N, C-alpha and C. Protein backbone atom coordinates (compact mmCIF):
# COMPACT_ATOMS: atom_id res chain seq x y z
N UNK A 1 89.83 105.98 75.28
CA UNK A 1 90.82 106.66 76.08
C UNK A 1 92.17 106.38 75.51
N UNK A 2 92.96 107.40 75.26
CA UNK A 2 94.28 107.24 74.67
C UNK A 2 95.25 106.77 75.75
N UNK A 3 96.39 106.31 75.29
CA UNK A 3 97.44 105.89 76.18
C UNK A 3 97.88 107.06 77.04
N UNK A 4 97.98 108.19 76.45
CA UNK A 4 98.42 109.41 77.17
C UNK A 4 97.42 109.75 78.26
N UNK A 5 96.16 109.65 77.98
CA UNK A 5 95.13 109.93 79.02
C UNK A 5 95.24 108.92 80.14
N UNK A 6 95.41 107.68 79.83
CA UNK A 6 95.55 106.64 80.89
C UNK A 6 96.80 106.92 81.71
N UNK A 7 97.89 107.30 81.05
CA UNK A 7 99.14 107.60 81.81
C UNK A 7 98.89 108.76 82.71
N UNK A 8 98.22 109.81 82.22
CA UNK A 8 97.96 110.98 83.04
C UNK A 8 97.11 110.64 84.28
N UNK A 9 96.26 109.66 84.14
CA UNK A 9 95.43 109.26 85.27
C UNK A 9 96.20 108.43 86.32
N UNK A 10 97.17 107.66 85.82
CA UNK A 10 97.82 106.66 86.66
C UNK A 10 99.12 107.17 87.31
N UNK A 11 99.82 108.17 86.66
CA UNK A 11 101.14 108.52 87.16
C UNK A 11 101.16 109.04 88.55
N UNK A 12 100.11 109.78 89.06
CA UNK A 12 100.19 110.19 90.48
C UNK A 12 100.22 108.98 91.45
N UNK A 13 99.53 107.91 91.09
CA UNK A 13 99.55 106.70 91.89
C UNK A 13 100.89 106.07 91.86
N UNK A 14 101.53 106.04 90.67
CA UNK A 14 102.86 105.47 90.60
C UNK A 14 103.91 106.24 91.40
N UNK A 15 103.81 107.54 91.37
CA UNK A 15 104.72 108.39 92.12
C UNK A 15 104.50 108.10 93.63
N UNK A 16 103.23 108.04 94.05
CA UNK A 16 102.97 107.71 95.46
C UNK A 16 103.50 106.36 95.86
N UNK A 17 103.35 105.38 95.00
CA UNK A 17 103.85 104.06 95.27
C UNK A 17 105.39 104.05 95.38
N UNK A 18 106.07 104.68 94.48
CA UNK A 18 107.51 104.74 94.52
C UNK A 18 107.99 105.50 95.80
N UNK A 19 107.24 106.50 96.14
CA UNK A 19 107.62 107.25 97.35
C UNK A 19 107.49 106.34 98.62
N UNK A 20 106.43 105.56 98.64
CA UNK A 20 106.20 104.68 99.77
C UNK A 20 107.32 103.58 99.83
N UNK A 21 107.66 103.05 98.67
CA UNK A 21 108.74 102.07 98.59
C UNK A 21 110.04 102.66 99.08
N UNK A 22 110.34 103.92 98.70
CA UNK A 22 111.57 104.54 99.13
C UNK A 22 111.57 104.76 100.61
N UNK A 23 110.45 105.14 101.21
CA UNK A 23 110.40 105.38 102.68
C UNK A 23 110.63 104.01 103.39
N UNK A 24 109.92 102.98 102.94
CA UNK A 24 110.10 101.66 103.56
C UNK A 24 111.53 101.18 103.46
N UNK A 25 112.13 101.36 102.25
CA UNK A 25 113.51 100.95 102.08
C UNK A 25 114.43 101.73 103.02
N UNK A 26 114.23 103.01 103.15
CA UNK A 26 115.00 103.84 104.05
C UNK A 26 114.90 103.39 105.48
N UNK A 27 113.66 103.05 105.94
CA UNK A 27 113.48 102.61 107.29
C UNK A 27 114.12 101.29 107.52
N UNK A 28 114.12 100.39 106.56
CA UNK A 28 114.80 99.08 106.64
C UNK A 28 116.31 99.29 106.79
N UNK A 29 116.84 100.23 106.01
CA UNK A 29 118.27 100.53 106.08
C UNK A 29 118.60 101.03 107.49
N UNK A 30 117.80 101.95 107.98
CA UNK A 30 118.08 102.57 109.26
C UNK A 30 117.92 101.56 110.43
N UNK A 31 116.82 100.83 110.42
CA UNK A 31 116.50 99.98 111.56
C UNK A 31 116.62 98.48 111.36
N UNK A 32 116.93 98.05 110.15
CA UNK A 32 117.02 96.63 109.84
C UNK A 32 118.18 95.91 110.43
N UNK A 33 119.26 96.55 110.80
CA UNK A 33 120.46 95.94 111.31
C UNK A 33 120.50 95.89 112.84
N UNK A 34 119.42 96.25 113.56
CA UNK A 34 119.43 96.25 115.01
C UNK A 34 119.00 94.98 115.62
N UNK A 35 119.00 93.86 114.90
CA UNK A 35 118.61 92.57 115.43
C UNK A 35 119.82 91.96 116.12
N UNK A 36 119.63 91.57 117.40
CA UNK A 36 120.71 90.95 118.13
C UNK A 36 120.55 89.44 118.09
N UNK A 37 121.67 88.75 118.03
CA UNK A 37 121.56 87.27 118.03
C UNK A 37 121.05 86.77 119.35
N UNK A 38 120.33 85.67 119.33
CA UNK A 38 119.84 85.12 120.59
C UNK A 38 120.98 84.37 121.28
N UNK A 39 120.87 84.39 122.56
CA UNK A 39 121.88 83.72 123.40
C UNK A 39 121.20 82.85 124.48
N UNK A 40 121.97 82.30 125.40
CA UNK A 40 121.41 81.48 126.42
C UNK A 40 120.45 82.28 127.32
N UNK A 41 120.68 83.56 127.55
CA UNK A 41 119.83 84.35 128.39
C UNK A 41 118.44 84.49 127.75
N UNK A 42 118.41 84.56 126.45
CA UNK A 42 117.15 84.66 125.74
C UNK A 42 116.28 83.41 125.96
N UNK A 43 116.95 82.24 125.96
CA UNK A 43 116.22 80.97 126.16
C UNK A 43 115.67 80.96 127.57
N UNK A 44 116.38 81.42 128.54
CA UNK A 44 115.96 81.44 129.93
C UNK A 44 114.78 82.42 130.11
N UNK A 45 114.86 83.52 129.36
CA UNK A 45 113.75 84.53 129.49
C UNK A 45 112.47 83.96 128.89
N UNK A 46 112.59 83.06 127.94
CA UNK A 46 111.39 82.46 127.30
C UNK A 46 110.74 81.48 128.23
N UNK A 47 111.46 80.97 129.22
CA UNK A 47 110.95 79.97 130.13
C UNK A 47 110.54 80.74 131.43
N UNK A 48 109.74 80.07 132.21
CA UNK A 48 109.31 80.62 133.48
C UNK A 48 110.48 80.70 134.42
N UNK A 49 110.32 81.30 135.62
CA UNK A 49 111.39 81.41 136.56
C UNK A 49 111.83 80.05 137.08
N UNK A 50 110.97 79.06 137.03
CA UNK A 50 111.35 77.75 137.50
C UNK A 50 111.99 76.90 136.35
N UNK A 51 112.20 77.46 135.19
CA UNK A 51 112.80 76.79 134.09
C UNK A 51 111.73 76.09 133.17
N UNK A 52 110.47 76.16 133.58
CA UNK A 52 109.43 75.50 132.76
C UNK A 52 108.94 76.51 131.72
N UNK A 53 108.56 76.00 130.53
CA UNK A 53 108.04 76.91 129.52
C UNK A 53 106.67 77.30 129.87
N UNK A 54 106.35 78.61 129.89
CA UNK A 54 105.01 79.07 130.28
C UNK A 54 103.99 78.63 129.19
N UNK A 55 102.75 78.51 129.66
CA UNK A 55 101.67 78.20 128.71
C UNK A 55 101.44 79.29 127.74
N UNK A 56 101.24 78.96 126.47
CA UNK A 56 101.01 80.02 125.46
C UNK A 56 99.74 80.82 125.79
N UNK A 57 99.74 82.08 125.41
CA UNK A 57 98.58 82.93 125.55
C UNK A 57 97.72 82.70 124.35
N UNK A 58 96.44 82.42 124.63
CA UNK A 58 95.47 82.18 123.56
C UNK A 58 95.07 83.54 122.93
N UNK A 59 95.49 83.82 121.77
CA UNK A 59 95.16 85.05 121.09
C UNK A 59 94.10 84.86 120.01
N UNK A 60 93.46 83.69 120.01
CA UNK A 60 92.38 83.44 119.05
C UNK A 60 93.03 82.85 117.75
N UNK A 61 92.17 82.27 116.95
CA UNK A 61 92.67 81.62 115.74
C UNK A 61 92.55 82.51 114.51
N UNK A 62 91.83 83.60 114.65
CA UNK A 62 91.67 84.48 113.44
C UNK A 62 92.86 85.39 113.29
N UNK A 63 93.17 85.66 112.06
CA UNK A 63 94.25 86.59 111.75
C UNK A 63 93.75 87.99 112.03
N UNK A 64 94.71 88.91 112.35
CA UNK A 64 94.28 90.29 112.59
C UNK A 64 93.63 90.89 111.32
N UNK A 65 92.65 91.77 111.52
CA UNK A 65 92.01 92.34 110.30
C UNK A 65 92.98 93.14 109.47
N UNK A 66 92.82 93.02 108.20
CA UNK A 66 93.69 93.76 107.28
C UNK A 66 93.34 95.24 107.29
N UNK A 67 94.32 96.05 107.07
CA UNK A 67 94.09 97.49 107.03
C UNK A 67 93.14 97.81 105.84
N UNK A 68 92.18 98.69 106.08
CA UNK A 68 91.25 99.00 105.05
C UNK A 68 91.94 99.61 103.83
N UNK A 69 91.45 99.22 102.69
CA UNK A 69 92.07 99.69 101.41
C UNK A 69 91.03 100.74 100.88
N UNK A 70 91.56 101.87 100.50
CA UNK A 70 90.72 102.89 99.87
C UNK A 70 91.24 103.18 98.50
N UNK A 71 90.40 103.10 97.50
CA UNK A 71 90.81 103.35 96.11
C UNK A 71 91.25 104.83 95.97
N UNK A 72 92.33 105.02 95.21
CA UNK A 72 92.69 106.44 94.93
C UNK A 72 91.61 107.16 94.16
N UNK A 73 91.43 108.44 94.46
CA UNK A 73 90.33 109.20 93.81
C UNK A 73 90.32 109.12 92.28
N UNK A 74 91.52 109.09 91.68
CA UNK A 74 91.54 109.07 90.19
C UNK A 74 91.03 107.79 89.62
N UNK A 75 90.85 106.73 90.42
CA UNK A 75 90.31 105.48 89.93
C UNK A 75 88.83 105.32 90.24
N UNK A 76 88.26 106.21 91.00
CA UNK A 76 86.85 106.13 91.37
C UNK A 76 85.93 106.59 90.28
N UNK A 77 85.36 105.65 89.55
CA UNK A 77 84.41 105.92 88.49
C UNK A 77 82.99 105.82 89.06
N UNK A 78 82.01 106.29 88.25
CA UNK A 78 80.57 106.12 88.63
C UNK A 78 80.27 104.64 88.64
N UNK A 79 79.42 104.20 89.59
CA UNK A 79 79.01 102.81 89.70
C UNK A 79 77.49 102.71 89.74
N UNK A 80 76.89 101.96 88.85
CA UNK A 80 75.48 101.61 88.92
C UNK A 80 75.40 100.33 89.71
N UNK A 81 74.37 100.20 90.54
CA UNK A 81 74.20 99.03 91.39
C UNK A 81 72.88 98.37 91.01
N UNK A 82 72.92 97.04 90.78
CA UNK A 82 71.76 96.29 90.43
C UNK A 82 71.59 95.15 91.48
N UNK A 83 70.37 94.95 91.95
CA UNK A 83 70.06 93.94 92.95
C UNK A 83 69.56 92.65 92.24
N UNK A 84 70.32 91.59 92.35
CA UNK A 84 69.95 90.29 91.74
C UNK A 84 69.25 89.38 92.72
N UNK A 85 68.79 89.91 93.83
CA UNK A 85 68.18 89.06 94.88
C UNK A 85 66.72 89.51 95.04
N UNK A 86 66.03 88.81 95.94
CA UNK A 86 64.69 89.25 96.30
C UNK A 86 64.69 90.02 97.61
N UNK A 87 65.89 90.46 98.07
CA UNK A 87 66.04 91.22 99.28
C UNK A 87 65.77 92.72 98.95
N UNK A 88 64.68 93.24 99.45
CA UNK A 88 64.34 94.59 99.16
C UNK A 88 65.33 95.52 99.82
N UNK A 89 65.77 96.51 99.04
CA UNK A 89 66.69 97.54 99.55
C UNK A 89 68.16 97.19 99.58
N UNK A 90 68.50 96.01 99.03
CA UNK A 90 69.90 95.58 99.07
C UNK A 90 70.79 96.49 98.22
N UNK A 91 70.31 96.91 97.04
CA UNK A 91 71.11 97.83 96.20
C UNK A 91 71.29 99.18 96.94
N UNK A 92 70.24 99.63 97.66
CA UNK A 92 70.39 100.92 98.40
C UNK A 92 71.40 100.72 99.54
N UNK A 93 71.41 99.61 100.16
CA UNK A 93 72.43 99.34 101.22
C UNK A 93 73.83 99.39 100.66
N UNK A 94 74.01 98.71 99.47
CA UNK A 94 75.30 98.76 98.79
C UNK A 94 75.65 100.16 98.41
N UNK A 95 74.70 100.94 97.94
CA UNK A 95 74.91 102.35 97.58
C UNK A 95 75.46 103.12 98.79
N UNK A 96 74.90 102.97 99.94
CA UNK A 96 75.36 103.63 101.13
C UNK A 96 76.83 103.31 101.40
N UNK A 97 77.20 102.04 101.30
CA UNK A 97 78.58 101.61 101.55
C UNK A 97 79.54 102.21 100.53
N UNK A 98 79.16 102.17 99.29
CA UNK A 98 80.07 102.73 98.25
C UNK A 98 80.22 104.25 98.38
N UNK A 99 79.07 104.92 98.61
CA UNK A 99 79.19 106.37 98.78
C UNK A 99 80.03 106.73 100.00
N UNK A 100 79.87 106.00 101.09
CA UNK A 100 80.67 106.21 102.28
C UNK A 100 82.16 105.99 101.99
N UNK A 101 82.43 105.10 101.04
CA UNK A 101 83.79 104.79 100.64
C UNK A 101 84.36 105.72 99.56
N UNK A 102 83.59 106.76 99.18
CA UNK A 102 84.09 107.75 98.24
C UNK A 102 83.68 107.55 96.80
N UNK A 103 82.83 106.59 96.51
CA UNK A 103 82.39 106.33 95.12
C UNK A 103 81.06 107.02 94.86
N UNK A 104 80.82 107.31 93.61
CA UNK A 104 79.57 107.93 93.14
C UNK A 104 78.66 106.90 92.59
N UNK A 105 77.40 106.88 93.04
CA UNK A 105 76.42 105.90 92.54
C UNK A 105 75.26 106.65 91.92
N UNK A 106 75.27 106.86 90.61
CA UNK A 106 74.21 107.60 89.96
C UNK A 106 72.89 106.83 89.78
N UNK A 107 72.93 105.49 89.87
CA UNK A 107 71.74 104.73 89.57
C UNK A 107 71.74 103.42 90.34
N UNK A 108 70.56 103.03 90.84
CA UNK A 108 70.33 101.69 91.39
C UNK A 108 69.05 101.11 90.77
N UNK A 109 69.02 99.80 90.64
CA UNK A 109 67.85 99.14 90.08
C UNK A 109 67.90 97.65 90.41
N UNK A 110 67.06 96.85 89.76
CA UNK A 110 67.09 95.43 90.00
C UNK A 110 67.67 94.74 88.75
N UNK A 111 68.08 93.51 88.94
CA UNK A 111 68.63 92.70 87.85
C UNK A 111 67.88 91.41 87.74
N UNK A 112 67.37 91.10 86.55
CA UNK A 112 66.55 89.91 86.40
C UNK A 112 67.30 88.66 86.09
N UNK A 113 68.54 88.75 85.81
CA UNK A 113 69.34 87.54 85.46
C UNK A 113 69.77 86.77 86.69
N UNK A 114 70.41 85.65 86.43
CA UNK A 114 70.87 84.81 87.52
C UNK A 114 72.40 85.00 87.69
N UNK A 115 72.80 85.34 88.93
CA UNK A 115 74.19 85.62 89.17
C UNK A 115 74.53 84.95 90.54
N UNK A 116 75.56 84.12 90.52
CA UNK A 116 75.92 83.34 91.73
C UNK A 116 76.67 84.21 92.75
N UNK A 117 77.55 85.07 92.27
CA UNK A 117 78.35 85.88 93.19
C UNK A 117 78.25 87.35 92.85
N UNK A 118 78.42 88.20 93.92
CA UNK A 118 78.46 89.62 93.67
C UNK A 118 79.63 89.93 92.73
N UNK A 119 79.31 90.68 91.68
CA UNK A 119 80.28 90.90 90.59
C UNK A 119 80.29 92.39 90.17
N UNK A 120 81.48 92.92 89.92
CA UNK A 120 81.63 94.22 89.33
C UNK A 120 81.94 94.03 87.86
N UNK A 121 81.12 94.61 86.98
CA UNK A 121 81.30 94.50 85.54
C UNK A 121 81.89 95.83 85.09
N UNK A 122 82.86 95.76 84.22
CA UNK A 122 83.52 97.02 83.74
C UNK A 122 83.53 97.06 82.22
N UNK A 123 83.32 98.32 81.70
CA UNK A 123 83.43 98.48 80.26
C UNK A 123 84.92 98.64 79.87
N UNK A 124 85.18 98.64 78.62
CA UNK A 124 86.53 98.76 78.11
C UNK A 124 87.16 100.01 78.70
N UNK A 125 88.41 99.88 79.24
CA UNK A 125 89.14 101.01 79.78
C UNK A 125 88.92 101.27 81.26
N UNK A 126 88.05 100.51 81.92
CA UNK A 126 87.77 100.75 83.31
C UNK A 126 88.10 99.57 84.22
N UNK A 127 88.94 98.61 83.70
CA UNK A 127 89.28 97.44 84.53
C UNK A 127 89.99 97.83 85.80
N UNK A 128 90.91 98.80 85.69
CA UNK A 128 91.69 99.19 86.90
C UNK A 128 90.75 99.75 87.95
N UNK A 129 89.77 100.51 87.58
CA UNK A 129 88.81 101.05 88.52
C UNK A 129 87.98 99.94 89.13
N UNK A 130 87.62 98.97 88.39
CA UNK A 130 86.83 97.80 88.89
C UNK A 130 87.67 97.02 89.88
N UNK A 131 88.93 96.81 89.58
CA UNK A 131 89.85 96.12 90.49
C UNK A 131 89.97 96.89 91.79
N UNK A 132 90.07 98.23 91.68
CA UNK A 132 90.21 99.06 92.85
C UNK A 132 88.94 99.01 93.70
N UNK A 133 87.81 98.98 93.11
CA UNK A 133 86.55 98.86 93.84
C UNK A 133 86.47 97.54 94.61
N UNK A 134 86.84 96.44 93.90
CA UNK A 134 86.83 95.06 94.53
C UNK A 134 87.84 95.03 95.65
N UNK A 135 88.99 95.70 95.52
CA UNK A 135 89.97 95.69 96.57
C UNK A 135 89.46 96.45 97.80
N UNK A 136 88.69 97.53 97.57
CA UNK A 136 88.18 98.30 98.70
C UNK A 136 87.00 97.58 99.36
N UNK A 137 86.21 96.81 98.62
CA UNK A 137 85.07 96.12 99.14
C UNK A 137 85.19 94.63 98.86
N UNK A 138 85.88 93.89 99.73
CA UNK A 138 86.15 92.46 99.47
C UNK A 138 84.89 91.60 99.32
N UNK A 139 83.72 92.09 99.66
CA UNK A 139 82.52 91.32 99.45
C UNK A 139 82.23 91.13 97.96
N UNK A 140 82.87 91.98 97.12
CA UNK A 140 82.77 91.83 95.66
C UNK A 140 83.68 90.67 95.28
N UNK A 141 83.05 89.57 94.85
CA UNK A 141 83.84 88.36 94.59
C UNK A 141 84.41 88.20 93.22
N UNK A 142 83.77 88.87 92.21
CA UNK A 142 84.23 88.73 90.83
C UNK A 142 84.39 90.09 90.17
N UNK A 143 85.36 90.18 89.28
CA UNK A 143 85.56 91.34 88.46
C UNK A 143 85.58 90.81 87.01
N UNK A 144 84.62 91.32 86.21
CA UNK A 144 84.46 90.81 84.85
C UNK A 144 84.19 91.92 83.84
N UNK A 145 84.59 91.67 82.58
CA UNK A 145 84.21 92.61 81.55
C UNK A 145 82.69 92.67 81.44
N UNK A 146 82.16 93.78 81.00
CA UNK A 146 80.71 94.00 80.88
C UNK A 146 80.08 92.94 80.01
N UNK A 147 78.82 92.70 80.24
CA UNK A 147 78.08 91.71 79.48
C UNK A 147 76.93 92.42 78.73
N UNK A 148 76.38 91.74 77.77
CA UNK A 148 75.27 92.31 76.99
C UNK A 148 74.09 92.71 77.90
N UNK A 149 73.55 93.84 77.64
CA UNK A 149 72.44 94.37 78.43
C UNK A 149 72.85 95.38 79.48
N UNK A 150 74.12 95.48 79.82
CA UNK A 150 74.62 96.41 80.82
C UNK A 150 75.20 97.63 80.08
N UNK A 151 75.21 98.77 80.77
CA UNK A 151 75.75 100.01 80.20
C UNK A 151 77.26 99.88 79.96
N UNK A 152 77.71 100.56 78.97
CA UNK A 152 79.15 100.61 78.74
C UNK A 152 79.72 101.97 79.11
N UNK A 153 78.94 102.77 79.87
CA UNK A 153 79.33 104.10 80.31
C UNK A 153 79.93 104.12 81.69
N UNK A 154 79.72 103.07 82.46
CA UNK A 154 80.15 103.08 83.88
C UNK A 154 80.33 101.65 84.36
N UNK A 155 80.89 101.55 85.54
CA UNK A 155 80.98 100.24 86.22
C UNK A 155 79.54 99.87 86.64
N UNK A 156 79.30 98.55 86.66
CA UNK A 156 78.01 98.06 87.13
C UNK A 156 78.27 96.98 88.15
N UNK A 157 77.80 97.24 89.38
CA UNK A 157 77.92 96.27 90.48
C UNK A 157 76.58 95.52 90.61
N UNK A 158 76.61 94.22 90.49
CA UNK A 158 75.44 93.41 90.68
C UNK A 158 75.63 92.64 92.00
N UNK A 159 74.73 92.96 92.93
CA UNK A 159 74.80 92.33 94.24
C UNK A 159 73.95 91.04 94.22
N UNK A 160 74.54 89.97 94.69
CA UNK A 160 73.88 88.65 94.71
C UNK A 160 73.61 88.23 96.15
N UNK A 161 73.13 86.99 96.30
CA UNK A 161 72.85 86.43 97.63
C UNK A 161 74.02 86.47 98.62
N UNK A 162 75.27 86.28 98.11
CA UNK A 162 76.41 86.30 98.97
C UNK A 162 76.59 87.71 99.58
N UNK A 163 76.21 88.73 98.87
CA UNK A 163 76.25 90.07 99.43
C UNK A 163 75.28 90.25 100.58
N UNK A 164 74.04 89.76 100.34
CA UNK A 164 73.04 89.83 101.38
C UNK A 164 73.53 89.09 102.69
N UNK A 165 74.12 87.95 102.48
CA UNK A 165 74.68 87.22 103.66
C UNK A 165 75.77 87.99 104.31
N UNK A 166 76.65 88.60 103.58
CA UNK A 166 77.80 89.35 104.11
C UNK A 166 77.39 90.56 104.92
N UNK A 167 76.32 91.20 104.52
CA UNK A 167 75.86 92.39 105.26
C UNK A 167 74.76 92.11 106.26
N UNK A 168 74.47 90.77 106.40
CA UNK A 168 73.47 90.35 107.39
C UNK A 168 72.02 90.65 107.09
N UNK A 169 71.70 90.60 105.83
CA UNK A 169 70.34 90.83 105.34
C UNK A 169 69.89 89.58 104.61
N UNK A 170 68.69 89.10 104.94
CA UNK A 170 68.17 87.97 104.27
C UNK A 170 66.78 88.27 103.74
N UNK A 171 66.37 87.52 102.71
CA UNK A 171 65.08 87.85 102.05
C UNK A 171 63.98 87.00 102.45
């Protein structure tokens, strides 16, 4: 893939990113200066009517869920999925999730090698797509260049035991 082809694939995302930054900057300019300094009345409002500080509200210890990330269409390449576990149907389950997320899965199969973590392997020129896939599906723990024995025509997702645990399937 030439530099020009890569640029042609990426520039719409760059334009969208710059547009988003401009909108956020504009909103900060418009609404960023409306912060009032705190005064003695603010301290009284933070306390109960009897002057005692109210008990904190328990909102749990977990952080709020992050907004879902969806890869831009121009980064969505074909993904082959290989199951490196003894959990029957795990690759098919991963295929359902990827297809629901807008990715194309032309092939699923098993993987006979040993793999500790779910990994997306990418051929030369597809690293950005692999990173986008991993960002969209955080259960993918590793992003690595392709290895011997895997196709160099598409991304290859190998699901490992950590994937089975994450989706609630055990073997």
